[in-house]
Amino acid sequence: MGEGKKTIMVIDDTKPIRILLLKTFEKKYNVFLEDKGIEALQTLQEYEGKIGLIILDYEMPKLNGYQLLKLIR
């Protein structure tokens, strides 16, 4: 992670959206990309307290955005 940069996580199962958001934010922020809720949850636990913003898709297979949000909170 780049020094001095804040960190955000993009969780979306649609690759073009993940790439668009990465391109939008990567100059000013460290960006984690995840395409599945379970993997995102594991990354959030690993980097607890270091991710300042989560951009979360609502419709995803297996664990949707609402279910993931409930687990994060």
C-alpha atoms as a PDB file:
ATOM      1  CA  MET A   1       0.000   0.000   0.000  1.00  0.00           C
ATOM      2  CA  GLY A   2       1.230   3.452  -0.894  1.00  0.00           C
ATOM      3  CA  GLU A   3       2.392   5.559   2.022  1.00  0.00           C
ATOM      4  CA  GLY A   4       0.103   8.405   2.969  1.00  0.00           C
ATOM      5  CA  LYS A   5      -2.744   7.171   0.807  1.00  0.00           C
ATOM      6  CA  LYS A   6      -6.073   6.218   2.299  1.00  0.00           C
ATOM      7  CA  THR A   7      -7.502   2.840   1.349  1.00  0.00           C
ATOM      8  CA  ILE A   8     -10.830   1.909  -0.208  1.00  0.00           C
ATOM      9  CA  MET A   9     -12.351  -1.411  -1.205  1.00  0.00           C
ATOM     10  CA  VAL A  10     -14.527  -2.032  -4.239  1.00  0.00           C
ATOM     11  CA  ILE A  11     -16.721  -5.132  -4.027  1.00  0.00           C
ATOM     12  CA  ASP A  12     -18.551  -5.879  -7.261  1.00  0.00           C
ATOM     13  CA  ASP A  13     -19.002  -9.044  -9.299  1.00  0.00           C
ATOM     14  CA  THR A  14     -18.938  -7.105 -12.585  1.00  0.00           C
ATOM     15  CA  LYS A  15     -15.339  -6.792 -13.800  1.00  0.00           C
ATOM     16  CA  PRO A  16     -15.819  -3.649 -15.965  1.00  0.00           C
ATOM     17  CA  ILE A  17     -17.244  -1.800 -12.962  1.00  0.00           C
ATOM     18  CA  ARG A  18     -14.337  -2.873 -10.751  1.00  0.00           C
ATOM     19  CA  ILE A  19     -11.851  -1.707 -13.377  1.00  0.00           C
ATOM     20  CA  LEU A  20     -13.674   1.612 -13.889  1.00  0.00           C
ATOM     21  CA  LEU A  21     -13.636   2.309 -10.155  1.00  0.00           C
ATOM     22  CA  LEU A  22      -9.990   1.273  -9.903  1.00  0.00           C
ATOM     23  CA  LYS A  23      -9.028   3.691 -12.693  1.00  0.00           C
ATOM     24  CA  THR A  24     -11.092   6.419 -11.035  1.00  0.00           C
ATOM     25  CA  PHE A  25      -9.511   6.106  -7.584  1.00  0.00           C
ATOM     26  CA  GLU A  26      -6.055   4.556  -7.943  1.00  0.00           C
ATOM     27  CA  LYS A  27      -4.100   7.821  -8.218  1.00  0.00           C
ATOM     28  CA  LYS A  28      -5.273   9.128  -4.845  1.00  0.00           C
ATOM     29  CA  TYR A  29      -6.151   5.940  -2.954  1.00  0.00           C
ATOM     30  CA  ASN A  30      -4.967   2.415  -2.369  1.00  0.00           C
ATOM     31  CA  VAL A  31      -7.720   0.272  -3.866  1.00  0.00           C
ATOM     32  CA  PHE A  32      -8.611  -3.311  -3.008  1.00  0.00           C
ATOM     33  CA  LEU A  33     -10.812  -5.095  -5.556  1.00  0.00           C
ATOM     34  CA  GLU A  34     -12.985  -8.070  -4.699  1.00  0.00           C
ATOM     35  CA  ASP A  35     -15.602  -9.855  -6.793  1.00  0.00           C
ATOM     36  CA  LYS A  36     -17.151 -12.090  -4.113  1.00  0.00           C
ATOM     37  CA  GLY A  37     -18.592 -11.228  -0.727  1.00  0.00           C
ATOM     38  CA  ILE A  38     -16.857 -14.031   1.171  1.00  0.00           C
ATOM     39  CA  GLU A  39     -13.409 -13.063  -0.112  1.00  0.00           C
ATOM     40  CA  ALA A  40     -14.163  -9.409   0.624  1.00  0.00           C
ATOM     41  CA  LEU A  41     -15.073 -10.297   4.198  1.00  0.00           C
ATOM     42  CA  GLN A  42     -11.763 -12.129   4.614  1.00  0.00           C
ATOM     43  CA  THR A  43      -9.816  -9.153   3.231  1.00  0.00           C
ATOM     44  CA  LEU A  44     -11.702  -6.772   5.507  1.00  0.00           C
ATOM     45  CA  GLN A  45     -10.806  -8.911   8.513  1.00  0.00           C
ATOM     46  CA  GLU A  46      -7.162  -9.080   7.425  1.00  0.00           C
ATOM     47  CA  TYR A  47      -6.923  -5.288   6.997  1.00  0.00           C
ATOM     48  CA  GLU A  48      -9.247  -4.340   9.848  1.00  0.00           C
ATOM     49  CA  GLY A  49      -9.127  -0.625  10.599  1.00  0.00           C
ATOM     50  CA  LYS A  50      -7.124   0.199   7.461  1.00  0.00           C
ATOM     51  CA  ILE A  51      -9.956   0.430   4.915  1.00  0.00           C
ATOM     52  CA  GLY A  52     -11.753   3.754   5.164  1.00  0.00           C
ATOM     53  CA  LEU A  53     -14.421   3.333   2.485  1.00  0.00           C
ATOM     54  CA  ILE A  54     -16.245   0.393   0.935  1.00  0.00           C
ATOM     55  CA  ILE A  55     -18.057   0.632  -2.393  1.00  0.00           C
ATOM     56  CA  LEU A  56     -20.390  -2.339  -2.397  1.00  0.00           C
ATOM     57  CA  ASP A  57     -22.564  -3.852  -5.122  1.00  0.00           C
ATOM     58  CA  TYR A  58     -26.008  -4.918  -3.954  1.00  0.00           C
ATOM     59  CA  GLU A  59     -26.627  -7.810  -6.368  1.00  0.00           C
ATOM     60  CA  MET A  60     -23.966 -10.500  -6.145  1.00  0.00           C
ATOM     61  CA  PRO A  61     -24.227 -14.296  -6.134  1.00  0.00           C
ATOM     62  CA  LYS A  62     -24.125 -16.354  -2.919  1.00  0.00           C
ATOM     63  CA  LEU A  63     -23.627 -13.422  -0.535  1.00  0.00           C
ATOM     64  CA  ASN A  64     -25.322 -10.247  -1.743  1.00  0.00           C
ATOM     65  CA  GLY A  65     -24.362  -6.723  -0.746  1.00  0.00           C
ATOM     66  CA  TYR A  66     -27.022  -6.416   1.939  1.00  0.00           C
ATOM     67  CA  GLN A  67     -25.996  -9.699   3.576  1.00  0.00           C
ATOM     68  CA  LEU A  68     -22.343  -8.665   3.447  1.00  0.00           C
ATOM     69  CA  LEU A  69     -23.115  -5.267   4.942  1.00  0.00           C
ATOM     70  CA  LYS A  70     -24.863  -6.941   7.879  1.00  0.00           C
ATOM     71  CA  LEU A  71     -21.763  -9.090   8.479  1.00  0.00           C
ATOM     72  CA  ILE A  72     -19.430  -6.097   8.266  1.00  0.00           C
ATOM     73  CA  ARG A  73     -21.412  -4.025  10.738  1.00  0.00           C
END
